[in-house]
C-alpha atoms as a PDB file:
ATOM      1  CA  MET A   1       0.000   0.000   0.000  1.00  0.00           C
ATOM      2  CA  TYR A   2       1.092   3.550  -0.599  1.00  0.00           C
ATOM      3  CA  LEU A   3       0.230   7.162   0.199  1.00  0.00           C
ATOM      4  CA  GLY A   4      -2.375   8.787  -2.021  1.00  0.00           C
ATOM      5  CA  THR A   5      -4.653  11.805  -2.262  1.00  0.00           C
ATOM      6  CA  GLN A   6      -7.996  12.766  -3.758  1.00  0.00           C
ATOM      7  CA  VAL A   7      -7.566  16.496  -3.144  1.00  0.00           C
ATOM      8  CA  ALA A   8      -8.325  18.378  -6.348  1.00  0.00           C
ATOM      9  CA  ALA A   9      -5.332  20.325  -7.666  1.00  0.00           C
ATOM     10  CA  ARG A  10      -6.218  23.998  -7.961  1.00  0.00           C
ATOM     11  CA  ASP A  11      -3.339  24.694 -10.322  1.00  0.00           C
ATOM     12  CA  ASP A  12      -0.052  23.211 -11.475  1.00  0.00           C
ATOM     13  CA  ASP A  13       1.654  24.239  -8.236  1.00  0.00           C
ATOM     14  CA  ASP A  14      -0.568  21.822  -6.331  1.00  0.00           C
ATOM     15  CA  TYR A  15       0.692  18.957  -8.500  1.00  0.00           C
ATOM     16  CA  ARG A  16       4.241  20.097  -7.741  1.00  0.00           C
ATOM     17  CA  ILE A  17       3.425  20.194  -4.028  1.00  0.00           C
ATOM     18  CA  PHE A  18       2.072  16.621  -4.145  1.00  0.00           C
ATOM     19  CA  ALA A  19       5.347  15.498  -5.710  1.00  0.00           C
ATOM     20  CA  GLN A  20       7.391  17.483  -3.189  1.00  0.00           C
ATOM     21  CA  LEU A  21       5.471  15.972  -0.255  1.00  0.00           C
ATOM     22  CA  GLY A  22       5.973  12.442  -1.597  1.00  0.00           C
ATOM     23  CA  VAL A  23       2.325  11.968  -2.577  1.00  0.00           C
ATOM     24  CA  LYS A  24       3.081  10.172  -5.827  1.00  0.00           C
ATOM     25  CA  HIS A  25      -0.224   8.377  -6.398  1.00  0.00           C
ATOM     26  CA  ILE A  26      -3.366  10.422  -6.908  1.00  0.00           C
ATOM     27  CA  ASN A  27      -7.081  10.274  -7.553  1.00  0.00           C
ATOM     28  CA  ALA A  28      -7.570  13.330  -9.791  1.00  0.00           C
ATOM     29  CA  ASP A  29     -10.224  14.298 -12.316  1.00  0.00           C
ATOM     30  CA  PRO A  30      -9.926  16.106 -15.648  1.00  0.00           C
ATOM     31  CA  PRO A  31     -11.577  19.534 -16.017  1.00  0.00           C
ATOM     32  CA  GLY A  32     -15.314  19.599 -16.590  1.00  0.00           C
ATOM     33  CA  LYS A  33     -18.130  17.293 -15.530  1.00  0.00           C
ATOM     34  CA  PRO A  34     -17.434  13.535 -15.574  1.00  0.00           C
ATOM     35  CA  SER A  35     -20.422  13.057 -17.859  1.00  0.00           C
ATOM     36  CA  SER A  36     -18.569  15.060 -20.543  1.00  0.00           C
ATOM     37  CA  TRP A  37     -15.153  13.340 -20.430  1.00  0.00           C
ATOM     38  CA  THR A  38     -13.943  11.697 -23.628  1.00  0.00           C
ATOM     39  CA  LEU A  39     -11.042   9.311 -24.111  1.00  0.00           C
ATOM     40  CA  SER A  40      -8.949  12.241 -25.365  1.00  0.00           C
ATOM     41  CA  ASP A  41      -9.769  14.187 -22.176  1.00  0.00           C
ATOM     42  CA  LEU A  42      -8.600  11.275 -20.015  1.00  0.00           C
ATOM     43  CA  GLU A  43      -5.409  10.736 -22.010  1.00  0.00           C
ATOM     44  CA  ARG A  44      -4.575  14.434 -21.909  1.00  0.00           C
ATOM     45  CA  HIS A  45      -5.210  14.500 -18.158  1.00  0.00           C
ATOM     46  CA  ARG A  46      -3.095  11.374 -17.566  1.00  0.00           C
ATOM     47  CA  ASP A  47      -0.216  12.888 -19.533  1.00  0.00           C
ATOM     48  CA  LYS A  48      -0.407  16.093 -17.508  1.00  0.00           C
ATOM     49  CA  VAL A  49      -0.422  14.239 -14.171  1.00  0.00           C
ATOM     50  CA  GLU A  50       2.525  12.101 -15.261  1.00  0.00           C
ATOM     51  CA  SER A  51       4.459  15.197 -16.353  1.00  0.00           C
ATOM     52  CA  PHE A  52       4.840  16.060 -12.662  1.00  0.00           C
ATOM     53  CA  GLY A  53       6.212  12.603 -11.822  1.00  0.00           C
ATOM     54  CA  LEU A  54       2.856  11.461 -10.442  1.00  0.00           C
ATOM     55  CA  ILE A  55       0.705   8.400 -11.141  1.00  0.00           C
ATOM     56  CA  LEU A  56      -3.017   8.675 -11.924  1.00  0.00           C
ATOM     57  CA  ASP A  57      -4.514   5.812  -9.922  1.00  0.00           C
ATOM     58  CA  MET A  58      -8.205   6.668 -10.006  1.00  0.00           C
ATOM     59  CA  ILE A  59     -10.928   9.001 -11.289  1.00  0.00           C
ATOM     60  CA  GLN A  60     -14.516   9.681 -10.198  1.00  0.00           C
ATOM     61  CA  LEU A  61     -17.507   8.303 -12.081  1.00  0.00           C
ATOM     62  CA  PRO A  62     -20.446  10.712 -12.540  1.00  0.00           C
ATOM     63  CA  LEU A  63     -22.075   9.244  -9.416  1.00  0.00           C
ATOM     64  CA  PRO A  64     -21.078  11.689  -6.658  1.00  0.00           C
ATOM     65  CA  SER A  65     -21.555  11.958  -2.906  1.00  0.00           C
ATOM     66  CA  GLN A  66     -23.907  14.912  -3.424  1.00  0.00           C
ATOM     67  CA  PRO A  67     -27.694  14.614  -3.053  1.00  0.00           C
ATOM     68  CA  ILE A  68     -29.457  13.069  -6.033  1.00  0.00           C
ATOM     69  CA  GLU A  69     -30.855  16.498  -6.928  1.00  0.00           C
ATOM     70  CA  LYS A  70     -27.323  17.499  -8.022  1.00  0.00           C
ATOM     71  CA  ALA A  71     -26.377  14.246  -9.780  1.00  0.00           C
ATOM     72  CA  SER A  72     -25.336  14.146 -13.431  1.00  0.00           C
ATOM     73  CA  TYR A  73     -27.094  10.811 -13.924  1.00  0.00           C
ATOM     74  CA  PRO A  74     -30.007  10.818 -11.447  1.00  0.00           C
ATOM     75  CA  ASP A  75     -32.111   8.241 -13.270  1.00  0.00           C
ATOM     76  CA  ILE A  76     -29.700   5.439 -12.329  1.00  0.00           C
ATOM     77  CA  LEU A  77     -30.883   5.575  -8.722  1.00  0.00           C
ATOM     78  CA  LEU A  78     -34.337   7.007  -9.443  1.00  0.00           C
ATOM     79  CA  ALA A  79     -35.156   4.298 -12.035  1.00  0.00           C
ATOM     80  CA  GLY A  80     -36.152   7.086 -14.411  1.00  0.00           C
ATOM     81  CA  PRO A  81     -36.676   6.946 -18.179  1.00  0.00           C
ATOM     82  CA  GLU A  82     -33.019   7.724 -18.955  1.00  0.00           C
ATOM     83  CA  ARG A  83     -31.618   4.996 -16.687  1.00  0.00           C
ATOM     84  CA  ASP A  84     -30.337   2.651 -19.404  1.00  0.00           C
ATOM     85  CA  ARG A  85     -28.774   5.470 -21.410  1.00  0.00           C
ATOM     86  CA  GLN A  86     -27.046   6.820 -18.289  1.00  0.00           C
ATOM     87  CA  ILE A  87     -25.733   3.369 -17.330  1.00  0.00           C
ATOM     88  CA  ASP A  88     -24.405   2.954 -20.879  1.00  0.00           C
ATOM     89  CA  ALA A  89     -22.572   6.274 -20.472  1.00  0.00           C
ATOM     90  CA  VAL A  90     -20.994   5.038 -17.229  1.00  0.00           C
ATOM     91  CA  CYS A  91     -19.901   1.853 -18.995  1.00  0.00           C
ATOM     92  CA  LYS A  92     -18.343   3.893 -21.808  1.00  0.00           C
ATOM     93  CA  LEU A  93     -16.424   5.988 -19.278  1.00  0.00           C
ATOM     94  CA  ILE A  94     -15.085   2.801 -17.666  1.00  0.00           C
ATOM     95  CA  GLU A  95     -13.948   1.562 -21.089  1.00  0.00           C
ATOM     96  CA  ASN A  96     -12.252   4.909 -21.736  1.00  0.00           C
ATOM     97  CA  ALA A  97     -10.527   4.797 -18.352  1.00  0.00           C
ATOM     98  CA  ALA A  98      -9.101   1.398 -19.256  1.00  0.00           C
ATOM     99  CA  ALA A  99      -7.958   2.669 -22.676  1.00  0.00           C
ATOM    100  CA  ALA A 100      -6.225   5.592 -20.951  1.00  0.00           C
ATOM    101  CA  GLY A 101      -4.432   3.276 -18.517  1.00  0.00           C
ATOM    102  CA  ILE A 102      -6.401   4.346 -15.423  1.00  0.00           C
ATOM    103  CA  PRO A 103      -6.826   1.226 -13.263  1.00  0.00           C
ATOM    104  CA  ALA A 104      -9.663   2.241 -10.934  1.00  0.00           C
ATOM    105  CA  VAL A 105     -12.747   4.430 -10.607  1.00  0.00           C
ATOM    106  CA  LYS A 106     -14.619   5.516  -7.500  1.00  0.00           C
ATOM    107  CA  TYR A 107     -18.315   6.268  -7.192  1.00  0.00           C
ATOM    108  CA  ASN A 108     -21.244   6.703  -4.807  1.00  0.00           C
ATOM    109  CA  LEU A 109     -24.801   5.393  -4.842  1.00  0.00           C
ATOM    110  CA  ASN A 110     -26.143   8.289  -2.834  1.00  0.00           C
ATOM    111  CA  LEU A 111     -29.629   9.764  -2.598  1.00  0.00           C
ATOM    112  CA  ILE A 112     -29.438  12.264   0.277  1.00  0.00           C
ATOM    113  CA  GLY A 113     -25.788  13.341   0.307  1.00  0.00           C
ATOM    114  CA  ILE A 114     -23.693  13.534   3.491  1.00  0.00           C
ATOM    115  CA  PRO A 115     -25.848  14.824   6.359  1.00  0.00           C
ATOM    116  CA  ARG A 116     -24.002  16.770   9.047  1.00  0.00           C
ATOM    117  CA  THR A 117     -24.889  19.010  11.983  1.00  0.00           C
ATOM    118  CA  PRO A 118     -22.886  22.192  12.762  1.00  0.00           C
ATOM    119  CA  ASP A 119     -19.094  21.930  13.039  1.00  0.00           C
ATOM    120  CA  GLU A 120     -17.712  21.562  16.545  1.00  0.00           C
ATOM    121  CA  PRO A 121     -14.437  22.795  18.091  1.00  0.00           C
ATOM    122  CA  GLY A 122     -11.561  20.332  18.005  1.00  0.00           C
ATOM    123  CA  ARG A 123      -7.906  20.353  18.970  1.00  0.00           C
ATOM    124  CA  GLY A 124      -6.542  23.850  19.448  1.00  0.00           C
ATOM    125  CA  GLY A 125      -9.749  25.438  18.207  1.00  0.00           C
ATOM    126  CA  SER A 126      -9.951  23.643  14.870  1.00  0.00           C
ATOM    127  CA  LEU A 127     -13.447  23.217  13.433  1.00  0.00           C
ATOM    128  CA  ASN A 128     -14.455  19.608  12.941  1.00  0.00           C
ATOM    129  CA  ALA A 129     -17.372  18.170  10.971  1.00  0.00           C
ATOM    130  CA  SER A 130     -19.907  16.449  13.218  1.00  0.00           C
ATOM    131  CA  PHE A 131     -23.193  14.568  13.204  1.00  0.00           C
ATOM    132  CA  ARG A 132     -25.526  14.449  16.192  1.00  0.00           C
ATOM    133  CA  TRP A 133     -28.795  12.679  15.483  1.00  0.00           C
ATOM    134  CA  ASP A 134     -30.516  14.532  18.325  1.00  0.00           C
ATOM    135  CA  LYS A 135     -29.679  17.839  16.590  1.00  0.00           C
ATOM    136  CA  THR A 136     -31.076  16.888  13.186  1.00  0.00           C
ATOM    137  CA  ASP A 137     -34.547  17.487  11.812  1.00  0.00           C
ATOM    138  CA  GLN A 138     -35.620  13.889  12.242  1.00  0.00           C
ATOM    139  CA  GLN A 139     -38.865  14.563  10.370  1.00  0.00           C
ATOM    140  CA  ALA A 140     -37.142  16.116   7.338  1.00  0.00           C
ATOM    141  CA  GLU A 141     -39.140  15.776   4.132  1.00  0.00           C
ATOM    142  CA  PRO A 142     -38.067  13.265   1.463  1.00  0.00           C
ATOM    143  CA  GLY A 143     -36.034  14.576  -1.457  1.00  0.00           C
ATOM    144  CA  LEU A 144     -36.337  13.834  -5.165  1.00  0.00           C
ATOM    145  CA  ALA A 145     -36.269  10.077  -4.506  1.00  0.00           C
ATOM    146  CA  GLY A 146     -39.463  10.311  -2.476  1.00  0.00           C
ATOM    147  CA  VAL A 147     -40.318   7.453  -0.134  1.00  0.00           C
ATOM    148  CA  LEU A 148     -38.260   4.453  -1.255  1.00  0.00           C
ATOM    149  CA  SER A 149     -38.439   0.991   0.257  1.00  0.00           C
ATOM    150  CA  GLU A 150     -35.274  -0.881   1.163  1.00  0.00           C
ATOM    151  CA  ASP A 151     -36.110  -3.669  -1.289  1.00  0.00           C
ATOM    152  CA  GLU A 152     -36.606  -1.237  -4.155  1.00  0.00           C
ATOM    153  CA  ASN A 153     -33.346   0.505  -3.297  1.00  0.00           C
ATOM    154  CA  TRP A 154     -31.497  -2.819  -3.490  1.00  0.00           C
ATOM    155  CA  GLU A 155     -33.217  -3.675  -6.790  1.00  0.00           C
ATOM    156  CA  ARG A 156     -31.994  -0.428  -8.346  1.00  0.00           C
ATOM    157  CA  ILE A 157     -28.459  -1.018  -7.117  1.00  0.00           C
ATOM    158  CA  ASP A 158     -28.513  -4.569  -8.481  1.00  0.00           C
ATOM    159  CA  TYR A 159     -29.811  -3.338 -11.850  1.00  0.00           C
ATOM    160  CA  PHE A 160     -26.807  -1.024 -12.046  1.00  0.00           C
ATOM    161  CA  LEU A 161     -24.267  -3.631 -10.915  1.00  0.00           C
ATOM    162  CA  GLU A 162     -25.609  -6.291 -13.306  1.00  0.00           C
ATOM    163  CA  ARG A 163     -24.702  -4.080 -16.253  1.00  0.00           C
ATOM    164  CA  VAL A 164     -21.610  -2.279 -15.013  1.00  0.00           C
ATOM    165  CA  VAL A 165     -19.584  -4.952 -13.192  1.00  0.00           C
ATOM    166  CA  PRO A 166     -19.030  -7.139 -16.298  1.00  0.00           C
ATOM    167  CA  VAL A 167     -17.778  -4.087 -18.226  1.00  0.00           C
ATOM    168  CA  ALA A 168     -15.362  -3.209 -15.419  1.00  0.00           C
ATOM    169  CA  ALA A 169     -14.164  -6.804 -15.205  1.00  0.00           C
ATOM    170  CA  SER A 170     -13.624  -7.196 -18.955  1.00  0.00           C
ATOM    171  CA  ASN A 171     -11.630  -3.941 -18.956  1.00  0.00           C
ATOM    172  CA  ARG A 172      -9.798  -4.730 -15.686  1.00  0.00           C
ATOM    173  CA  VAL A 173     -10.894  -1.514 -14.010  1.00  0.00           C
ATOM    174  CA  ARG A 174     -11.598  -1.692 -10.271  1.00  0.00           C
ATOM    175  CA  LEU A 175     -15.005  -0.294  -9.216  1.00  0.00           C
ATOM    176  CA  ALA A 176     -14.647   1.313  -5.781  1.00  0.00           C
ATOM    177  CA  CYS A 177     -17.959   2.292  -4.168  1.00  0.00           C
ATOM    178  CA  HIS A 178     -18.045   4.626  -1.160  1.00  0.00           C
ATOM    179  CA  PRO A 179     -20.256   3.684   1.815  1.00  0.00           C
ATOM    180  CA  HIS A 180     -23.201   5.865   2.755  1.00  0.00           C
ATOM    181  CA  ASP A 181     -22.030   8.564   5.172  1.00  0.00           C
ATOM    182  CA  PRO A 182     -23.258   8.557   7.883  1.00  0.00           C
ATOM    183  CA  TYR A 183     -25.582   5.778   9.019  1.00  0.00           C
ATOM    184  CA  THR A 184     -29.083   7.157   9.512  1.00  0.00           C
ATOM    185  CA  PRO A 185     -32.131   5.313  10.873  1.00  0.00           C
ATOM    186  CA  PRO A 186     -34.352   3.543   8.315  1.00  0.00           C
ATOM    187  CA  GLY A 187     -36.746   5.898   6.569  1.00  0.00           C
ATOM    188  CA  TYR A 188     -34.851   9.117   7.242  1.00  0.00           C
ATOM    189  CA  ARG A 189     -35.814  11.570   4.476  1.00  0.00           C
ATOM    190  CA  GLY A 190     -37.857   8.770   2.946  1.00  0.00           C
ATOM    191  CA  VAL A 191     -35.052   6.258   2.357  1.00  0.00           C
ATOM    192  CA  THR A 192     -33.103   3.533   4.093  1.00  0.00           C
ATOM    193  CA  ARG A 193     -29.401   4.002   3.383  1.00  0.00           C
ATOM    194  CA  VAL A 194     -28.612   0.388   2.565  1.00  0.00           C
ATOM    195  CA  LEU A 195     -24.858   1.019   2.274  1.00  0.00           C
ATOM    196  CA  GLY A 196     -24.846   2.698   5.683  1.00  0.00           C
ATOM    197  CA  THR A 197     -24.326  -0.492   7.697  1.00  0.00           C
ATOM    198  CA  VAL A 198     -21.589  -3.109   7.704  1.00  0.00           C
ATOM    199  CA  GLU A 199     -24.107  -5.833   6.881  1.00  0.00           C
ATOM    200  CA  GLY A 200     -25.361  -3.773   3.961  1.00  0.00           C
ATOM    201  CA  LEU A 201     -21.819  -3.342   2.632  1.00  0.00           C
ATOM    202  CA  LYS A 202     -21.218  -7.086   2.940  1.00  0.00           C
ATOM    203  CA  LYS A 203     -24.378  -7.777   0.964  1.00  0.00           C
ATOM    204  CA  PHE A 204     -23.318  -5.207  -1.635  1.00  0.00           C
ATOM    205  CA  VAL A 205     -19.862  -6.638  -2.389  1.00  0.00           C
ATOM    206  CA  LEU A 206     -21.319 -10.149  -2.693  1.00  0.00           C
ATOM    207  CA  MET A 207     -23.954  -9.004  -5.219  1.00  0.00           C
ATOM    208  CA  ARG A 208     -22.696  -9.676  -8.757  1.00  0.00           C
ATOM    209  CA  GLU A 209     -19.503 -10.808  -7.015  1.00  0.00           C
ATOM    210  CA  ASN A 210     -16.369 -10.117  -9.036  1.00  0.00           C
ATOM    211  CA  PRO A 211     -12.712  -9.307  -8.255  1.00  0.00           C
ATOM    212  CA  TYR A 212     -13.222  -5.865  -9.836  1.00  0.00           C
ATOM    213  CA  HIS A 213     -16.255  -5.005  -7.676  1.00  0.00           C
ATOM    214  CA  GLY A 214     -15.401  -3.604  -4.238  1.00  0.00           C
ATOM    215  CA  LEU A 215     -15.185  -0.570  -1.997  1.00  0.00           C
ATOM    216  CA  ASN A 216     -13.679   2.830  -1.666  1.00  0.00           C
ATOM    217  CA  PHE A 217     -13.250   1.841   1.993  1.00  0.00           C
ATOM    218  CA  CYS A 218     -13.843   4.994   4.042  1.00  0.00           C
ATOM    219  CA  GLN A 219     -12.723   4.021   7.522  1.00  0.00           C
ATOM    220  CA  GLY A 220     -14.344   7.142   8.944  1.00  0.00           C
ATOM    221  CA  SER A 221     -17.733   6.371   7.399  1.00  0.00           C
ATOM    222  CA  ILE A 222     -17.563   2.756   8.541  1.00  0.00           C
ATOM    223  CA  GLY A 223     -16.580   3.869  12.050  1.00  0.00           C
ATOM    224  CA  GLU A 224     -19.740   5.984  12.002  1.00  0.00           C
ATOM    225  CA  MET A 225     -21.808   2.801  11.570  1.00  0.00           C
ATOM    226  CA  LEU A 226     -20.409   1.177  14.717  1.00  0.00           C
ATOM    227  CA  GLU A 227     -21.387   1.435  18.367  1.00  0.00           C
ATOM    228  CA  ASN A 228     -17.740   1.149  19.434  1.00  0.00           C
ATOM    229  CA  PRO A 229     -15.460   1.878  16.468  1.00  0.00           C
ATOM    230  CA  GLY A 230     -12.261   1.473  18.459  1.00  0.00           C
ATOM    231  CA  GLU A 231     -13.061  -2.170  19.213  1.00  0.00           C
ATOM    232  CA  GLU A 232     -15.124  -3.172  16.181  1.00  0.00           C
ATOM    233  CA  ILE A 233     -13.182  -1.743  13.212  1.00  0.00           C
ATOM    234  CA  ASP A 234     -10.450  -4.423  13.194  1.00  0.00           C
ATOM    235  CA  ASP A 235     -12.835  -7.232  12.284  1.00  0.00           C
ATOM    236  CA  VAL A 236     -14.504  -5.104   9.613  1.00  0.00           C
ATOM    237  CA  ILE A 237     -11.187  -4.350   7.900  1.00  0.00           C
ATOM    238  CA  ARG A 238     -10.287  -8.039   8.011  1.00  0.00           C
ATOM    239  CA  TRP A 239     -13.623  -9.194   6.567  1.00  0.00           C
ATOM    240  CA  PHE A 240     -13.405  -6.961   3.495  1.00  0.00           C
ATOM    241  CA  GLY A 241      -9.618  -7.069   3.181  1.00  0.00           C
ATOM    242  CA  GLN A 242      -9.338 -10.847   3.251  1.00  0.00           C
ATOM    243  CA  ARG A 243     -11.881 -11.016   0.412  1.00  0.00           C
ATOM    244  CA  GLY A 244      -9.979  -8.506  -1.719  1.00  0.00           C
ATOM    245  CA  LYS A 245     -12.799  -5.956  -1.586  1.00  0.00           C
ATOM    246  CA  ILE A 246     -10.809  -2.870  -0.520  1.00  0.00           C
ATOM    247  CA  PHE A 247      -9.633  -0.849  -3.548  1.00  0.00           C
ATOM    248  CA  ASN A 248      -8.864   2.442  -1.797  1.00  0.00           C
ATOM    249  CA  VAL A 249      -8.804   3.591   1.838  1.00  0.00           C
ATOM    250  CA  HIS A 250      -9.999   6.915   3.192  1.00  0.00           C
ATOM    251  CA  PHE A 251      -7.821   6.896   6.294  1.00  0.00           C
ATOM    252  CA  ARG A 252     -10.103   9.008   8.483  1.00  0.00           C
ATOM    253  CA  ASN A 253     -10.826   8.856  12.212  1.00  0.00           C
ATOM    254  CA  ILE A 254     -13.728   9.941  14.413  1.00  0.00           C
ATOM    255  CA  ARG A 255     -14.508  10.447  18.072  1.00  0.00           C
ATOM    256  CA  GLY A 256     -17.824   8.853  19.012  1.00  0.00           C
ATOM    257  CA  GLY A 257     -19.799   6.352  16.969  1.00  0.00           C
ATOM    258  CA  LYS A 258     -23.201   5.516  15.544  1.00  0.00           C
ATOM    259  CA  LEU A 259     -25.482   8.578  15.343  1.00  0.00           C
ATOM    260  CA  SER A 260     -23.152  10.802  17.396  1.00  0.00           C
ATOM    261  CA  PHE A 261     -19.601  11.610  16.304  1.00  0.00           C
ATOM    262  CA  MET A 262     -17.078  14.289  15.447  1.00  0.00           C
ATOM    263  CA  GLU A 263     -14.435  13.882  12.742  1.00  0.00           C
ATOM    264  CA  THR A 264     -10.810  14.227  13.909  1.00  0.00           C
ATOM    265  CA  PHE A 265      -7.238  14.152  12.734  1.00  0.00           C
ATOM    266  CA  PRO A 266      -6.107  10.535  12.273  1.00  0.00           C
ATOM    267  CA  GLU A 267      -4.114  10.161  15.491  1.00  0.00           C
ATOM    268  CA  GLU A 268      -6.639  11.677  17.936  1.00  0.00           C
ATOM    269  CA  GLY A 269      -9.853   9.752  17.343  1.00  0.00           C
ATOM    270  CA  ASP A 270     -11.244   6.585  18.912  1.00  0.00           C
ATOM    271  CA  MET A 271      -9.833   4.182  16.316  1.00  0.00           C
ATOM    272  CA  ASP A 272      -6.199   3.123  16.676  1.00  0.00           C
ATOM    273  CA  MET A 273      -5.003   4.034  13.193  1.00  0.00           C
ATOM    274  CA  VAL A 274      -1.562   2.483  13.695  1.00  0.00           C
ATOM    275  CA  ARG A 275      -3.238  -0.830  14.475  1.00  0.00           C
ATOM    276  CA  SER A 276      -5.581  -0.347  11.505  1.00  0.00           C
ATOM    277  CA  ALA A 277      -2.638   0.236   9.168  1.00  0.00           C
ATOM    278  CA  ARG A 278      -1.049  -2.985  10.379  1.00  0.00           C
ATOM    279  CA  ILE A 279      -4.276  -4.843   9.597  1.00  0.00           C
ATOM    280  CA  TYR A 280      -4.407  -3.389   6.082  1.00  0.00           C
ATOM    281  CA  LYS A 281      -0.883  -4.715   5.633  1.00  0.00           C
ATOM    282  CA  GLU A 282      -1.855  -8.072   7.171  1.00  0.00           C
ATOM    283  CA  VAL A 283      -4.738  -8.590   4.693  1.00  0.00           C
ATOM    284  CA  GLY A 284      -2.570  -7.657   1.718  1.00  0.00           C
ATOM    285  CA  PHE A 285      -4.112  -4.300   0.843  1.00  0.00           C
ATOM    286  CA  LYS A 286      -2.023  -2.873  -1.999  1.00  0.00           C
ATOM    287  CA  TYR A 287      -3.533   0.426  -3.123  1.00  0.00           C
ATOM    288  CA  MET A 288      -3.824   4.054  -1.930  1.00  0.00           C
ATOM    289  CA  LEU A 289      -4.120   5.030   1.733  1.00  0.00           C
ATOM    290  CA  MET A 290      -5.289   8.656   1.781  1.00  0.00           C
ATOM    291  CA  PRO A 291      -6.571  11.324   4.173  1.00  0.00           C
ATOM    292  CA  ASP A 292     -10.167  12.482   3.917  1.00  0.00           C
ATOM    293  CA  HIS A 293     -12.405  15.159   5.493  1.00  0.00           C
ATOM    294  CA  VAL A 294      -9.674  16.963   7.430  1.00  0.00           C
ATOM    295  CA  PRO A 295     -10.593  19.470  10.178  1.00  0.00           C
ATOM    296  CA  THR A 296     -10.499  23.164   9.340  1.00  0.00           C
ATOM    297  CA  VAL A 297      -7.446  24.826  10.875  1.00  0.00           C
ATOM    298  CA  SER A 298      -6.235  28.428  11.078  1.00  0.00           C
ATOM    299  CA  GLY A 299      -3.994  30.109   8.535  1.00  0.00           C
ATOM    300  CA  LYS A 300      -4.009  31.433   4.991  1.00  0.00           C
ATOM    301  CA  ASP A 301      -4.476  27.973   3.415  1.00  0.00           C
ATOM    302  CA  PRO A 302      -6.228  25.917   6.119  1.00  0.00           C
ATOM    303  CA  THR A 303      -7.279  22.932   4.029  1.00  0.00           C
ATOM    304  CA  ALA A 304      -3.858  22.474   2.409  1.00  0.00           C
ATOM    305  CA  THR A 305      -2.154  22.787   5.800  1.00  0.00           C
ATOM    306  CA  ALA A 306      -4.366  20.135   7.388  1.00  0.00           C
ATOM    307  CA  PHE A 307      -3.905  17.732   4.489  1.00  0.00           C
ATOM    308  CA  ALA A 308      -0.130  18.259   4.548  1.00  0.00           C
ATOM    309  CA  PHE A 309      -0.135  17.177   8.201  1.00  0.00           C
ATOM    310  CA  CYS A 310      -2.115  14.045   7.290  1.00  0.00           C
ATOM    311  CA  TYR A 311       0.171  13.187   4.365  1.00  0.00           C
ATOM    312  CA  GLY A 312       3.158  13.343   6.680  1.00  0.00           C
ATOM    313  CA  TYR A 313       1.425  11.223   9.303  1.00  0.00           C
ATOM    314  CA  ILE A 314       0.504   8.499   6.799  1.00  0.00           C
ATOM    315  CA  ALA A 315       3.922   8.595   5.112  1.00  0.00           C
ATOM    316  CA  ALA A 316       5.684   8.127   8.457  1.00  0.00           C
ATOM    317  CA  LEU A 317       3.319   5.315   9.388  1.00  0.00           C
ATOM    318  CA  LEU A 318       3.929   3.498   6.105  1.00  0.00           C
ATOM    319  CA  GLN A 319       7.673   3.823   6.601  1.00  0.00           C
ATOM    320  CA  VAL A 320       7.365   2.207  10.020  1.00  0.00           C
ATOM    321  CA  LEU A 321       5.310  -0.639   8.557  1.00  0.00           C
ATOM    322  CA  GLU A 322       7.911  -1.255   5.875  1.00  0.00           C
ATOM    323  CA  SER A 323      10.604  -1.637   8.521  1.00  0.00           C
ATOM    324  CA  GLU A 324       8.638  -4.180  10.584  1.00  0.00           C
END
């Protein structure tokens, strides 16, 4: 496994900074909306990334973490009239990624986005993303998806996987799906977030089972599903890792657990991230380990500063693991 990032480069200097910080492997997207990318766009983007001495490991499919109202291809999850055409477009993008030498794509199957309550103060006055169920509008109205049963949600996901997984497998492109973030009780905003529990994720990776069908394994999001993340996360990593279902790791920590948590820097949350890294190594994980959702810190470039800290933390940790 190796250090990676999914932070979008704002300009060429950011690519130089990645190289200077030792972040050689990246998940980075070409300009424009994913639904508009052509093979030429991907090849041009790959060449640019490689010109800085970096490796393009992954891109995003047009299935984002945003609410379905903002999705490029909403009919895939809404079972709308354009569903088949939109799935065909996803398949074409996977084929183009393979032709451009990009070995993996990440995506979400998200209807209501990433619910959060107001940020809370963290270490030294940082502002940290949080979710407290008792502070949410628990009777919030359904969104564009309306009221959707769990069975129907699974049927729509299976319809998508049935068509997309064989294309990914034949092109040897890893499909890395992000869990739902965070877990919410069944029926919240009209839907049950079926990828918001460990059991749901297990069911998901075994549907249309294939070596190229797995997870963008967000350790923070999975910790948010657990009553006691510090004790329970080890077995979860092993279950998915031993089955070869982890294609990327969002190495993120939290303080708290199911329905009540605050995001933290990696070394200050409830999960022992050193122990987690050892388990990733134990199960043979061999792709990017990257920071995600960093706290907001002070300074002229707060996000870049926080990510730089996390890159250094992960790089040092990986060096220790190599020496063991």
